[in-house]
Amino acid sequence: MRVPFDTDGYEQRVRTGPCFVCAALREDPEYRHHMVYADDNCAAFLNRYPPLLGYTLVVPRAHVVDVTGDRALFRHVTDVVHDVAEALRRVVPTERIYLMSLGSHQGNAHVHWHVAPLPPGTPYARQQFAAVMSSLGVLPVTDGEQAALAARLRAAVAAVRG
């Protein structure tokens, strides 16, 4: 079950407010996210407004706005995307993992990859783009539920990374 999401308010925040990724990485309480993975070059955290359980964002720590600008960083981040996806498959019932890099220079400019686990049995009409669109609603997860999921995912990512 999804609940309505304030897409107008969200757009206003991402277009006029601080970079949400940079704010989350500096642990600004207004932009708190639950960390799943972190190293010197990138981090992964749960989507604050998840349309799917376990929906995770993987980000470079540097404020990078072009997804393929730095080849070494790109490769490292995509390695982490892979490992987060594998961890999600171990922790959350998953039919398919969706991987995307979204954002715009007009809002959400900081490069970030979306790692979104599609639950098994999702009707076809609610798969693909419909599955990841917050404008169609988000899950009513609590902070405690997100914290517990993040802890399970941190352990799974550590196991995947060996």
Protein backbone atom coordinates (compact mmCIF):
# COMPACT_ATOMS: atom_id res chain seq x y z
CA MET A 1 0.00 0.00 0.00
CA ARG A 2 1.28 3.45 -0.89
CA VAL A 3 0.38 6.82 0.60
CA PRO A 4 0.26 10.14 -1.29
CA PHE A 5 3.51 12.05 -1.78
CA ASP A 6 3.82 15.84 -1.98
CA THR A 7 5.53 16.06 -5.39
CA ASP A 8 5.12 19.85 -5.61
CA GLY A 9 6.77 20.38 -2.23
CA TYR A 10 9.51 17.92 -3.11
CA GLU A 11 10.24 19.68 -6.40
CA GLN A 12 10.40 23.03 -4.61
CA ARG A 13 12.92 21.63 -2.08
CA VAL A 14 15.22 20.02 -4.63
CA ARG A 15 15.20 23.01 -6.95
CA THR A 16 15.74 25.73 -4.33
CA GLY A 17 17.21 24.00 -1.27
CA PRO A 18 20.66 22.63 -0.60
CA CYS A 19 21.90 19.52 -2.39
CA PHE A 20 20.11 16.72 -0.57
CA VAL A 21 23.00 14.29 -1.15
CA CYS A 22 25.63 16.65 0.27
CA ALA A 23 23.29 17.46 3.18
CA ALA A 24 22.72 13.76 3.91
CA LEU A 25 26.46 13.03 3.75
CA ARG A 26 27.27 15.83 6.20
CA GLU A 27 24.53 14.40 8.47
CA ASP A 28 22.29 17.46 8.37
CA PRO A 29 19.31 16.42 10.55
CA GLU A 30 16.87 17.96 8.03
CA TYR A 31 18.16 15.52 5.39
CA ARG A 32 18.65 12.41 7.52
CA HIS A 33 18.86 9.14 5.63
CA HIS A 34 19.70 5.63 6.85
CA MET A 35 23.17 4.61 5.66
CA VAL A 36 23.64 1.21 4.09
CA TYR A 37 27.28 1.55 2.99
CA ALA A 38 30.04 4.14 3.16
CA ASP A 39 33.67 4.39 2.11
CA ASP A 40 36.02 7.27 1.31
CA ASN A 41 34.59 7.79 -2.19
CA CYS A 42 30.91 6.91 -2.07
CA ALA A 43 27.96 6.03 0.12
CA ALA A 44 24.62 4.29 -0.12
CA PHE A 45 21.50 5.14 1.87
CA LEU A 46 17.84 4.27 1.90
CA ASN A 47 15.50 6.50 -0.06
CA ARG A 48 13.73 8.77 2.40
CA TYR A 49 10.52 8.53 0.35
CA PRO A 50 10.54 4.92 -0.92
CA PRO A 51 8.01 3.77 -3.48
CA LEU A 52 9.55 0.27 -3.01
CA LEU A 53 10.85 -1.37 0.15
CA GLY A 54 14.65 -1.19 0.25
CA TYR A 55 14.92 1.47 -2.45
CA THR A 56 18.51 2.66 -2.06
CA LEU A 57 20.54 5.54 -3.48
CA VAL A 58 24.26 5.14 -4.20
CA VAL A 59 26.19 8.40 -4.43
CA PRO A 60 29.74 9.66 -4.86
CA ARG A 61 30.87 11.69 -1.85
CA ALA A 62 32.16 14.44 -4.13
CA HIS A 63 29.50 16.75 -5.54
CA VAL A 64 29.68 15.31 -9.06
CA VAL A 65 27.04 16.39 -11.60
CA ASP A 66 28.05 14.36 -14.66
CA VAL A 67 27.48 10.64 -14.29
CA THR A 68 30.47 9.52 -16.41
CA GLY A 69 32.88 12.39 -15.79
CA ASP A 70 35.51 10.53 -13.75
CA ARG A 71 36.06 6.99 -15.06
CA ALA A 72 37.68 5.62 -11.89
CA LEU A 73 34.96 7.07 -9.66
CA PHE A 74 32.24 5.83 -12.04
CA ARG A 75 33.64 2.31 -11.91
CA HIS A 76 33.94 2.35 -8.13
CA VAL A 77 30.40 3.65 -7.65
CA THR A 78 28.96 1.11 -10.08
CA ASP A 79 30.81 -1.65 -8.18
CA VAL A 80 29.03 -0.44 -5.05
CA VAL A 81 25.72 -0.29 -6.98
CA HIS A 82 26.26 -3.96 -7.86
CA ASP A 83 27.02 -4.93 -4.27
CA VAL A 84 24.03 -3.01 -2.90
CA ALA A 85 21.80 -4.70 -5.49
CA GLU A 86 23.08 -8.13 -4.45
CA ALA A 87 22.54 -7.25 -0.78
CA LEU A 88 18.99 -6.14 -1.53
CA ARG A 89 18.32 -9.46 -3.27
CA ARG A 90 19.44 -11.23 -0.06
CA VAL A 91 17.35 -9.10 2.30
CA VAL A 92 14.19 -8.02 0.45
CA PRO A 93 11.95 -10.28 -1.65
CA THR A 94 12.94 -9.24 -5.17
CA GLU A 95 11.81 -10.21 -8.65
CA ARG A 96 14.08 -7.73 -10.41
CA ILE A 97 16.44 -4.92 -9.46
CA TYR A 98 15.98 -1.63 -11.30
CA LEU A 99 19.13 0.48 -11.73
CA MET A 100 18.96 4.11 -12.86
CA SER A 101 20.91 7.30 -12.60
CA LEU A 102 18.43 10.14 -12.41
CA GLY A 103 18.59 13.82 -11.56
CA SER A 104 18.99 17.05 -13.45
CA HIS A 105 21.15 20.13 -13.41
CA GLN A 106 17.89 21.92 -12.49
CA GLY A 107 17.36 19.85 -9.33
CA ASN A 108 18.94 16.82 -7.67
CA ALA A 109 22.11 17.65 -9.62
CA HIS A 110 24.41 15.48 -7.46
CA VAL A 111 24.87 12.22 -9.35
CA HIS A 112 23.06 9.35 -7.68
CA TRP A 113 22.14 5.84 -8.73
CA HIS A 114 18.77 4.40 -7.80
CA VAL A 115 18.79 0.73 -6.80
CA ALA A 116 15.16 -0.30 -6.61
CA PRO A 117 14.00 -3.86 -5.79
CA LEU A 118 10.74 -4.84 -7.50
CA PRO A 119 8.73 -7.18 -5.26
CA PRO A 120 7.66 -10.54 -6.73
CA GLY A 121 4.09 -10.61 -7.99
CA THR A 122 3.86 -6.90 -8.77
CA PRO A 123 1.23 -6.52 -11.51
CA TYR A 124 2.80 -5.58 -14.84
CA ALA A 125 0.97 -2.22 -14.94
CA ARG A 126 2.73 -1.27 -11.66
CA GLN A 127 6.22 -2.37 -12.78
CA GLN A 128 9.05 -0.49 -14.48
CA PHE A 129 8.67 3.31 -14.30
CA ALA A 130 5.35 3.08 -12.44
CA ALA A 131 7.09 1.10 -9.67
CA VAL A 132 9.64 3.82 -8.94
CA MET A 133 7.53 6.94 -9.33
CA SER A 134 7.02 8.62 -5.98
CA SER A 135 4.30 10.72 -7.59
CA LEU A 136 2.19 7.54 -7.53
CA GLY A 137 2.71 7.31 -3.77
CA VAL A 138 5.33 6.10 -1.31
CA LEU A 139 5.40 3.38 1.31
CA PRO A 140 4.33 4.38 4.83
CA VAL A 141 7.53 3.12 6.47
CA THR A 142 8.54 4.33 9.91
CA ASP A 143 11.96 5.59 10.89
CA GLY A 144 12.40 2.49 13.03
CA GLU A 145 11.54 0.19 10.15
CA GLN A 146 14.01 2.01 7.91
CA ALA A 147 16.72 1.81 10.60
CA ALA A 148 16.19 -1.95 11.00
CA LEU A 149 16.24 -2.49 7.23
CA ALA A 150 19.40 -0.40 6.89
CA ALA A 151 21.12 -2.53 9.56
CA ARG A 152 20.21 -5.75 7.72
CA LEU A 153 21.40 -4.26 4.44
CA ARG A 154 24.70 -3.07 5.95
CA ALA A 155 25.39 -6.63 7.07
CA ALA A 156 24.43 -8.01 3.64
CA VAL A 157 26.60 -5.49 1.79
CA ALA A 158 29.53 -6.39 4.04
CA ALA A 159 28.97 -10.08 3.25
CA VAL A 160 28.76 -9.40 -0.51
CA ARG A 161 31.90 -7.27 -0.48
CA GLY A 162 33.69 -10.03 1.46
